[in-house]
Amino acid sequence: MRSLQPASRRRAAILLWAEVRESFAMARSALVAHKLRSGLTLLGVLVGVFSIILVMTAMRVLQRNIEEELSQLGSHTFQVRKWPAVHFGGPGEFEKYARRKNISLAHGRAVIDRASLAGSVGLQRFLWAGEAVSAYQKTPPNVGMIGATPGVFLARNWIVAEGRSLNEADLDSAKDVCLLAASLARSLFPFGSALGERVKLDGIAYTVIGVLESKGGVLGGQQDNFAIVPLSTGMNRYGRLWSSLDILVQAVNQAAYEDTVEQVRGILRAIRKVPPGEEDDFEIFSNDSLITQFQSFTLTVRVAVAVISSIALVAAGIGIMNIMLVSVTERTREIGIRRAVGAKKRNIVTQFILEAVVLCEVGGVIGVILGIVGGNVAAYLLKVPPVVPVDWVLLGLLICSVVGVVFGTYPAVKAANLDPIESLRYE
């Protein structure tokens, strides 16, 4: 008896597979026989899946690119500034940040003097944007000028390819020297080295003492298009009070990172006189916090798109149910013949459900292909590797199958419950 059980199970599995294969073949034949109707029906599924995959692919491309570019700080490094790095709030939130006190040079020096756990501390401030001029070329008015201290180079991962970095003597004497980012150096000095040459920024001449390594583009643009001058030089020329400084802190190692953050937070809260229990009146962020903020923002967008696309899929499912009911009516005699020659109700149910699923899956596959191609247009424009969101592809095809089963069940059950005698008489 025990030896017969595995054999009977194998026979049952073979019969089930044969039944599914036959039902699939009949469903495919029925769809091919009505090409126009099938095409119009699956169009709704195609649009729903296409919109989901298109947006998710584009978002994945943007996310990968932005995550790479947000990793601008060095390892175990964080930044302190008056304003948040990413802000999605309304006017009320903007006013809250605007009312904060600026981070002053005194605040920055206090961190430098007291942050014993920090490996290095740098101060920076954006000073100006406009046209840069050399003896050979001039640029469009999109060059940025940053005032910085030597500690910023470690925190920013700025590597000097030619020449030297800033030093304390440059800051103490407020020298008219600068370093150029790679793209700016190539633009201003296309025929040779920029070292020792003079560059005019905002009409003031600076001597080039170094050129940075290239970091490439960001969102299709160019991030190597700025100049760095000593912070003291910039503040003497552009004022000490009107703008807030950024403080960049690098911990000694990853193990000391959290303790360094808390130490710097405590120093700033003390010197800025933030009462106990109140939130910080400054922002601390790192590569990870920037990426987390971006992912939180894109999550809302992805959920919204998924909801809207789901509505399109539900509408498409209703259309499929309607077409399947029409198909049941048209094929009443065929159903009667199948029942007369021994087909069971479950055979009829399987046939019509599979027909609905195949209809949905064909639309889903076409939608997935078009969505991936359309979404990766962003990758081409941003010059980043293409992305295939495998998780969303599988989820989209799974949703198509669910739509087919849900909206194909009622027509299938209706077909299976037709009276065989009456079906044979149907004209």
Protein backbone atom coordinates (compact mmCIF):
# COMPACT_ATOMS: atom_id res chain seq x y z
CA MET A 1 0.00 0.00 0.00
CA ARG A 2 2.83 2.37 0.88
CA SER A 3 4.51 1.75 -2.50
CA LEU A 4 1.28 2.62 -4.30
CA GLN A 5 0.95 6.04 -2.65
CA PRO A 6 4.00 7.66 -4.31
CA ALA A 7 2.95 6.24 -7.66
CA SER A 8 -0.57 7.63 -7.31
CA ARG A 9 0.84 11.01 -6.33
CA ARG A 10 3.08 11.04 -9.38
CA ARG A 11 0.12 10.19 -11.62
CA ALA A 12 -1.94 12.97 -10.00
CA ALA A 13 0.90 15.45 -10.53
CA ILE A 14 1.29 14.38 -14.18
CA LEU A 15 -2.45 14.72 -14.79
CA LEU A 16 -2.50 18.15 -13.11
CA TRP A 17 0.42 19.36 -15.20
CA ALA A 18 -1.18 18.04 -18.38
CA GLU A 19 -4.44 19.79 -17.47
CA VAL A 20 -2.70 23.12 -16.80
CA ARG A 21 -0.69 22.83 -20.01
CA GLU A 22 -3.79 22.08 -22.05
CA SER A 23 -5.72 24.94 -20.42
CA PHE A 24 -2.82 27.30 -21.10
CA ALA A 25 -2.72 26.26 -24.76
CA MET A 26 -6.49 26.78 -25.12
CA ALA A 27 -6.24 30.18 -23.41
CA ARG A 28 -3.45 31.25 -25.74
CA SER A 29 -5.42 30.09 -28.79
CA ALA A 30 -8.49 32.03 -27.63
CA LEU A 31 -6.45 35.22 -27.23
CA VAL A 32 -4.77 34.83 -30.62
CA ALA A 33 -8.16 34.26 -32.26
CA HIS A 34 -9.33 37.71 -31.07
CA LYS A 35 -6.18 39.81 -31.49
CA LEU A 36 -7.76 43.25 -31.56
CA ARG A 37 -10.02 42.61 -28.58
CA SER A 38 -7.18 41.05 -26.60
CA GLY A 39 -4.85 43.91 -27.47
CA LEU A 40 -7.30 46.58 -26.35
CA THR A 41 -8.02 44.66 -23.15
CA LEU A 42 -4.38 44.22 -22.14
CA LEU A 43 -3.67 47.88 -22.91
CA GLY A 44 -5.02 48.88 -19.49
CA VAL A 45 -2.70 46.42 -17.73
CA LEU A 46 0.18 47.58 -19.91
CA VAL A 47 -0.34 51.24 -18.95
CA GLY A 48 -0.61 50.44 -15.23
CA VAL A 49 2.53 48.29 -15.13
CA PHE A 50 4.41 50.64 -17.47
CA SER A 51 3.77 53.64 -15.20
CA ILE A 52 4.95 51.74 -12.10
CA ILE A 53 8.13 50.35 -13.70
CA LEU A 54 8.93 53.61 -15.49
CA VAL A 55 8.82 55.68 -12.31
CA MET A 56 10.52 53.06 -10.14
CA THR A 57 13.34 52.62 -12.65
CA ALA A 58 13.84 56.36 -13.00
CA MET A 59 13.77 56.78 -9.21
CA ARG A 60 16.29 53.97 -8.78
CA VAL A 61 18.59 55.63 -11.32
CA LEU A 62 18.30 59.00 -9.58
CA GLN A 63 18.73 57.39 -6.16
CA ARG A 64 21.89 55.56 -7.18
CA ASN A 65 23.36 58.70 -8.74
CA ILE A 66 22.44 60.98 -5.86
CA GLU A 67 23.64 58.50 -3.24
CA GLU A 68 27.01 58.41 -4.96
CA GLU A 69 27.18 62.19 -5.16
CA LEU A 70 25.93 62.72 -1.60
CA SER A 71 28.90 60.69 -0.42
CA GLN A 72 30.97 63.86 -0.74
CA LEU A 73 32.23 63.84 2.84
CA GLY A 74 35.19 61.75 3.88
CA SER A 75 34.95 58.61 5.96
CA HIS A 76 33.56 59.04 9.52
CA THR A 77 33.00 62.75 8.79
CA PHE A 78 30.01 64.94 9.62
CA GLN A 79 29.03 68.53 8.93
CA VAL A 80 27.45 71.18 11.17
CA ARG A 81 25.51 74.05 9.64
CA LYS A 82 22.68 76.46 10.32
CA TRP A 83 20.41 75.12 7.57
CA PRO A 84 19.41 71.49 6.93
CA ALA A 85 21.06 69.83 3.96
CA VAL A 86 17.68 68.81 2.48
CA HIS A 87 14.52 70.75 3.27
CA PHE A 88 10.99 69.74 2.17
CA GLY A 89 8.99 71.80 4.67
CA GLY A 90 6.80 74.85 4.11
CA PRO A 91 7.23 78.54 4.98
CA GLY A 92 6.90 77.85 8.71
CA GLU A 93 9.89 75.52 8.70
CA PHE A 94 11.89 78.00 6.61
CA GLU A 95 11.23 80.77 9.14
CA LYS A 96 12.34 78.51 12.00
CA TYR A 97 15.71 77.92 10.35
CA ALA A 98 16.07 81.59 9.34
CA ARG A 99 15.64 82.72 12.97
CA ARG A 100 18.61 80.64 14.08
CA LYS A 101 21.85 82.41 14.94
CA ASN A 102 24.59 82.11 12.33
CA ILE A 103 27.47 79.77 13.05
CA SER A 104 30.27 82.29 13.54
CA LEU A 105 34.03 82.09 13.32
CA ALA A 106 34.14 82.08 17.14
CA HIS A 107 31.88 79.01 17.22
CA GLY A 108 34.13 77.26 14.71
CA ARG A 109 37.29 78.10 16.65
CA ALA A 110 35.69 76.80 19.86
CA VAL A 111 35.05 73.45 18.17
CA ILE A 112 38.63 73.38 16.88
CA ASP A 113 40.01 74.10 20.35
CA ARG A 114 37.71 71.86 22.43
CA ALA A 115 36.82 68.85 20.24
CA SER A 116 39.50 66.53 21.60
CA LEU A 117 37.99 63.44 19.94
CA ALA A 118 38.12 64.93 16.44
CA GLY A 119 40.87 63.97 14.04
CA SER A 120 40.48 67.21 12.10
CA VAL A 121 38.11 70.19 12.03
CA GLY A 122 37.61 72.48 9.06
CA LEU A 123 35.58 75.65 8.49
CA GLN A 124 34.13 76.76 5.17
CA ARG A 125 31.77 79.33 3.71
CA PHE A 126 30.38 79.88 0.23
CA LEU A 127 31.50 83.36 -0.81
CA TRP A 128 30.56 84.20 -4.37
CA ALA A 129 29.50 82.85 -7.79
CA GLY A 130 30.25 84.41 -11.15
CA GLU A 131 32.76 84.60 -13.98
CA ALA A 132 36.38 83.47 -13.62
CA VAL A 133 38.98 85.01 -15.92
CA SER A 134 42.55 83.98 -16.82
CA ALA A 135 44.99 85.35 -19.38
CA TYR A 136 43.76 82.68 -21.81
CA GLN A 137 40.05 82.07 -21.21
CA LYS A 138 37.02 83.18 -19.26
CA THR A 139 34.18 81.03 -18.00
CA PRO A 140 30.39 81.39 -17.91
CA PRO A 141 29.15 83.10 -14.73
CA ASN A 142 28.68 79.82 -12.86
CA VAL A 143 31.95 79.42 -10.97
CA GLY A 144 31.67 79.17 -7.19
CA MET A 145 34.24 80.47 -4.72
CA ILE A 146 34.59 78.82 -1.30
CA GLY A 147 36.52 80.12 1.67
CA ALA A 148 38.07 77.25 3.62
CA THR A 149 40.60 76.21 6.23
CA PRO A 150 43.09 73.34 5.77
CA GLY A 151 40.91 70.88 7.73
CA VAL A 152 38.19 71.04 5.08
CA PHE A 153 40.34 69.16 2.56
CA LEU A 154 40.31 65.95 4.62
CA ALA A 155 36.61 66.23 5.41
CA ARG A 156 35.63 66.92 1.80
CA ASN A 157 37.90 64.30 0.29
CA TRP A 158 39.57 67.03 -1.74
CA ILE A 159 42.80 65.56 -3.07
CA VAL A 160 45.41 67.92 -4.48
CA ALA A 161 46.61 66.60 -7.84
CA GLU A 162 49.08 69.44 -8.53
CA GLY A 163 50.74 71.95 -6.25
CA ARG A 164 49.84 72.20 -2.59
CA SER A 165 46.90 72.65 -0.25
CA LEU A 166 46.15 75.65 1.96
CA ASN A 167 48.21 76.04 5.14
CA GLU A 168 47.96 78.10 8.32
CA ALA A 169 50.31 80.74 6.94
CA ASP A 170 47.87 81.40 4.09
CA LEU A 171 45.09 81.97 6.65
CA ASP A 172 47.16 84.06 9.07
CA SER A 173 48.29 86.41 6.30
CA ALA A 174 44.98 86.30 4.38
CA LYS A 175 46.97 85.66 1.20
CA ASP A 176 45.54 86.14 -2.29
CA VAL A 177 46.00 82.48 -3.27
CA CYS A 178 43.55 79.87 -4.52
CA LEU A 179 43.16 76.25 -5.57
CA LEU A 180 41.12 75.33 -8.64
CA ALA A 181 38.88 72.31 -9.14
CA ALA A 182 39.89 70.13 -12.08
CA SER A 183 37.29 71.24 -14.62
CA LEU A 184 37.78 74.93 -13.84
CA ALA A 185 41.56 74.56 -14.22
CA ARG A 186 41.13 72.93 -17.65
CA SER A 187 38.70 75.66 -18.75
CA LEU A 188 40.95 78.54 -17.72
CA PHE A 189 44.27 77.00 -18.75
CA PRO A 190 43.61 74.65 -21.68
CA PHE A 191 47.22 74.61 -22.92
CA GLY A 192 49.24 73.99 -19.79
CA SER A 193 49.44 73.88 -16.02
CA ALA A 194 47.58 76.41 -13.89
CA LEU A 195 50.22 76.46 -11.12
CA GLY A 196 51.66 79.90 -10.49
CA GLU A 197 49.22 81.58 -12.87
CA ARG A 198 46.87 84.42 -11.92
CA VAL A 199 43.08 84.08 -11.93
CA LYS A 200 40.52 86.83 -11.44
CA LEU A 201 37.50 85.97 -9.30
CA ASP A 202 34.96 88.76 -8.87
CA GLY A 203 37.54 91.12 -10.37
CA ILE A 204 40.24 90.26 -7.80
CA ALA A 205 43.42 88.44 -8.84
CA TYR A 206 44.56 85.30 -7.02
CA THR A 207 47.65 83.16 -7.52
CA VAL A 208 46.94 79.46 -8.22
CA ILE A 209 48.82 77.27 -5.76
CA GLY A 210 47.08 73.94 -6.47
CA VAL A 211 44.66 71.95 -8.62
CA LEU A 212 42.29 69.30 -7.21
CA GLU A 213 41.65 65.83 -8.58
CA SER A 214 38.48 65.47 -10.64
CA LYS A 215 35.33 64.18 -8.94
CA GLY A 216 33.20 63.97 -12.08
CA GLY A 217 29.62 65.13 -12.60
CA VAL A 218 26.56 65.38 -10.39
CA LEU A 219 23.07 64.87 -11.90
CA GLY A 220 24.47 65.38 -15.38
CA GLY A 221 26.20 68.63 -14.36
CA GLN A 222 29.79 69.41 -13.38
CA GLN A 223 30.87 69.61 -9.74
CA ASP A 224 34.54 70.39 -10.50
CA ASN A 225 33.78 74.04 -11.20
CA PHE A 226 34.84 76.01 -8.13
CA ALA A 227 37.80 77.76 -6.57
CA ILE A 228 39.02 77.64 -2.95
CA VAL A 229 40.57 80.61 -1.16
CA PRO A 230 41.70 81.00 2.46
CA LEU A 231 38.69 81.58 4.71
CA SER A 232 40.30 84.68 6.25
CA THR A 233 40.81 86.20 2.80
CA GLY A 234 37.19 85.58 1.86
CA MET A 235 35.77 86.90 5.12
CA ASN A 236 37.86 90.06 4.89
CA ARG A 237 36.44 90.74 1.46
CA TYR A 238 32.86 89.51 1.83
CA GLY A 239 32.15 90.32 5.48
CA ARG A 240 32.18 88.37 8.73
CA LEU A 241 28.60 88.77 9.92
CA TRP A 242 26.12 88.30 7.09
CA SER A 243 26.59 84.58 6.41
CA SER A 244 26.88 81.40 8.47
CA LEU A 245 29.89 79.09 8.42
CA ASP A 246 29.87 75.33 7.96
CA ILE A 247 31.92 73.19 10.34
CA LEU A 248 33.28 69.90 9.01
CA VAL A 249 34.54 67.38 11.57
CA GLN A 250 36.35 64.12 10.95
CA ALA A 251 36.50 61.59 13.77
CA VAL A 252 39.71 59.69 14.43
CA ASN A 253 38.02 56.43 13.38
CA GLN A 254 34.56 54.94 12.97
CA ALA A 255 34.51 53.66 16.55
CA ALA A 256 34.87 57.22 17.85
CA TYR A 257 32.37 58.71 15.40
CA GLU A 258 29.27 58.80 17.63
CA ASP A 259 31.22 60.11 20.63
CA THR A 260 32.74 62.84 18.45
CA VAL A 261 29.28 63.89 17.22
CA GLU A 262 28.00 64.15 20.79
CA GLN A 263 31.07 66.06 21.94
CA VAL A 264 30.71 68.62 19.11
CA ARG A 265 26.96 68.89 19.79
CA GLY A 266 27.65 69.61 23.45
CA ILE A 267 30.28 72.25 22.63
CA LEU A 268 27.96 74.09 20.25
CA ARG A 269 24.94 73.91 22.56
CA ALA A 270 27.06 75.41 25.37
CA ILE A 271 28.57 78.29 23.40
CA ARG A 272 25.27 79.04 21.61
CA LYS A 273 23.44 78.92 24.98
CA VAL A 274 20.77 76.40 23.95
CA PRO A 275 18.65 75.66 27.08
CA PRO A 276 18.53 72.05 28.32
CA GLY A 277 15.64 70.09 26.82
CA GLU A 278 15.31 72.29 23.73
CA GLU A 279 16.24 71.02 20.28
CA ASP A 280 19.53 71.99 18.65
CA ASP A 281 19.58 75.33 16.82
CA PHE A 282 21.92 73.86 14.21
CA GLU A 283 21.97 70.79 11.96
CA ILE A 284 24.38 67.86 12.05
CA PHE A 285 24.43 65.52 9.08
CA SER A 286 26.65 62.97 7.40
CA ASN A 287 26.62 60.95 4.18
CA ASP A 288 24.28 58.39 5.74
CA SER A 289 21.82 60.98 7.05
CA LEU A 290 21.69 62.72 3.66
CA ILE A 291 20.99 59.44 1.89
CA THR A 292 18.36 58.50 4.48
CA GLN A 293 16.59 61.84 3.97
CA PHE A 294 16.59 61.35 0.22
CA GLN A 295 15.26 57.80 0.53
CA SER A 296 12.50 59.04 2.86
CA PHE A 297 11.45 61.64 0.28
CA THR A 298 11.49 59.19 -2.62
CA LEU A 299 9.51 56.65 -0.58
CA THR A 300 6.56 59.05 -0.55
CA VAL A 301 6.81 59.49 -4.31
CA ARG A 302 7.04 55.74 -4.91
CA VAL A 303 4.01 55.03 -2.72
CA ALA A 304 1.98 57.73 -4.48
CA VAL A 305 2.86 56.36 -7.92
CA ALA A 306 2.09 52.80 -6.81
CA VAL A 307 -1.36 53.86 -5.56
CA ILE A 308 -2.20 55.74 -8.76
CA SER A 309 -0.97 52.86 -10.92
CA SER A 310 -2.96 50.39 -8.82
CA ILE A 311 -6.11 52.31 -9.68
CA ALA A 312 -5.24 51.88 -13.36
CA LEU A 313 -4.73 48.14 -12.79
CA VAL A 314 -8.09 47.81 -11.03
CA ALA A 315 -9.76 49.57 -13.96
CA ALA A 316 -7.94 47.23 -16.32
CA GLY A 317 -9.10 44.25 -14.23
CA ILE A 318 -12.72 45.34 -14.53
CA GLY A 319 -12.23 45.55 -18.29
CA ILE A 320 -10.79 42.03 -18.30
CA MET A 321 -13.77 40.72 -16.31
CA ASN A 322 -16.13 42.33 -18.80
CA ILE A 323 -14.32 40.80 -21.78
CA MET A 324 -14.18 37.39 -20.10
CA LEU A 325 -17.96 37.49 -19.49
CA VAL A 326 -18.47 38.29 -23.17
CA SER A 327 -16.12 35.43 -24.03
CA VAL A 328 -18.11 33.02 -21.84
CA THR A 329 -21.32 33.99 -23.63
CA GLU A 330 -19.71 33.58 -27.06
CA ARG A 331 -18.25 30.18 -26.20
CA THR A 332 -21.28 28.69 -24.45
CA ARG A 333 -21.58 25.90 -27.04
CA GLU A 334 -17.86 25.14 -26.77
CA ILE A 335 -18.22 24.83 -22.99
CA GLY A 336 -21.21 22.49 -23.43
CA ILE A 337 -19.22 20.24 -25.78
CA ARG A 338 -16.30 20.08 -23.37
CA ARG A 339 -18.62 19.17 -20.49
CA ALA A 340 -20.35 16.55 -22.65
CA VAL A 341 -17.06 14.78 -23.45
CA GLY A 342 -16.06 14.59 -19.78
CA ALA A 343 -14.52 17.93 -18.76
CA LYS A 344 -15.08 18.73 -15.11
CA LYS A 345 -16.02 22.08 -13.64
CA ARG A 346 -12.49 22.61 -12.39
CA ASN A 347 -11.19 22.12 -15.96
CA ILE A 348 -13.44 24.93 -17.19
CA VAL A 349 -12.51 27.17 -14.25
CA THR A 350 -8.79 26.56 -14.86
CA GLN A 351 -9.15 27.33 -18.57
CA PHE A 352 -10.83 30.70 -18.12
CA ILE A 353 -8.70 31.82 -15.16
CA LEU A 354 -5.56 30.99 -17.11
CA GLU A 355 -6.93 32.94 -20.05
CA ALA A 356 -7.34 36.01 -17.83
CA VAL A 357 -3.88 35.52 -16.28
CA VAL A 358 -2.20 35.13 -19.68
CA LEU A 359 -3.95 38.28 -20.87
CA CYS A 360 -2.67 40.21 -17.84
CA GLU A 361 0.84 38.78 -18.03
CA VAL A 362 1.27 39.64 -21.71
CA GLY A 363 0.31 43.23 -20.92
CA GLY A 364 2.53 43.16 -17.84
CA VAL A 365 5.61 41.90 -19.70
CA ILE A 366 5.24 44.54 -22.42
CA GLY A 367 4.70 47.21 -19.74
CA VAL A 368 7.81 46.06 -17.84
CA ILE A 369 10.00 46.19 -20.95
CA LEU A 370 8.77 49.63 -21.98
CA GLY A 371 9.02 50.89 -18.38
CA ILE A 372 12.65 49.75 -18.00
CA VAL A 373 13.63 51.27 -21.35
CA GLY A 374 11.84 54.55 -20.56
CA GLY A 375 13.21 54.77 -17.02
CA ASN A 376 16.78 54.19 -18.15
CA VAL A 377 16.58 57.20 -20.43
CA ALA A 378 17.41 59.07 -17.19
CA ALA A 379 20.49 56.85 -16.77
CA TYR A 380 21.61 57.71 -20.30
CA LEU A 381 21.11 61.44 -19.73
CA LEU A 382 22.93 61.33 -16.38
CA LYS A 383 25.68 59.14 -17.84
CA VAL A 384 25.32 56.48 -15.15
CA PRO A 385 24.96 52.69 -15.54
CA PRO A 386 21.43 51.49 -16.42
CA VAL A 387 19.26 50.01 -13.68
CA VAL A 388 16.82 47.10 -13.73
CA PRO A 389 14.61 47.18 -10.60
CA VAL A 390 14.25 43.40 -10.28
CA ASP A 391 12.13 43.67 -7.13
CA TRP A 392 9.57 45.93 -8.82
CA VAL A 393 9.60 43.83 -12.00
CA LEU A 394 8.73 40.71 -10.02
CA LEU A 395 6.16 42.62 -7.97
CA GLY A 396 4.56 44.03 -11.14
CA LEU A 397 4.24 40.60 -12.74
CA LEU A 398 2.88 39.17 -9.49
CA ILE A 399 0.26 41.92 -9.37
CA CYS A 400 -0.70 41.08 -12.97
CA SER A 401 -1.25 37.45 -11.99
CA VAL A 402 -3.34 38.50 -8.98
CA VAL A 403 -5.44 40.82 -11.16
CA GLY A 404 -5.97 37.97 -13.64
CA VAL A 405 -7.02 35.52 -10.94
CA VAL A 406 -9.27 37.98 -9.06
CA PHE A 407 -11.08 39.37 -12.06
CA GLY A 408 -11.11 36.11 -14.01
CA THR A 409 -12.60 33.96 -11.24
CA TYR A 410 -16.22 35.12 -11.56
CA PRO A 411 -16.41 34.60 -15.35
CA ALA A 412 -14.66 31.23 -14.93
CA VAL A 413 -17.10 30.07 -12.25
CA LYS A 414 -20.02 31.27 -14.35
CA ALA A 415 -18.71 29.26 -17.31
CA ALA A 416 -18.21 26.14 -15.17
CA ASN A 417 -21.77 26.34 -13.79
CA LEU A 418 -23.45 26.48 -17.21
CA ASP A 419 -25.85 23.59 -17.76
CA PRO A 420 -24.26 21.23 -20.31
CA ILE A 421 -27.57 20.42 -22.04
CA GLU A 422 -28.57 24.05 -22.34
CA SER A 423 -25.08 24.95 -23.53
CA LEU A 424 -25.29 22.37 -26.36
CA ARG A 425 -28.60 23.89 -27.47
CA TYR A 426 -27.14 27.46 -27.44
CA GLU A 427 -26.87 29.11 -30.84
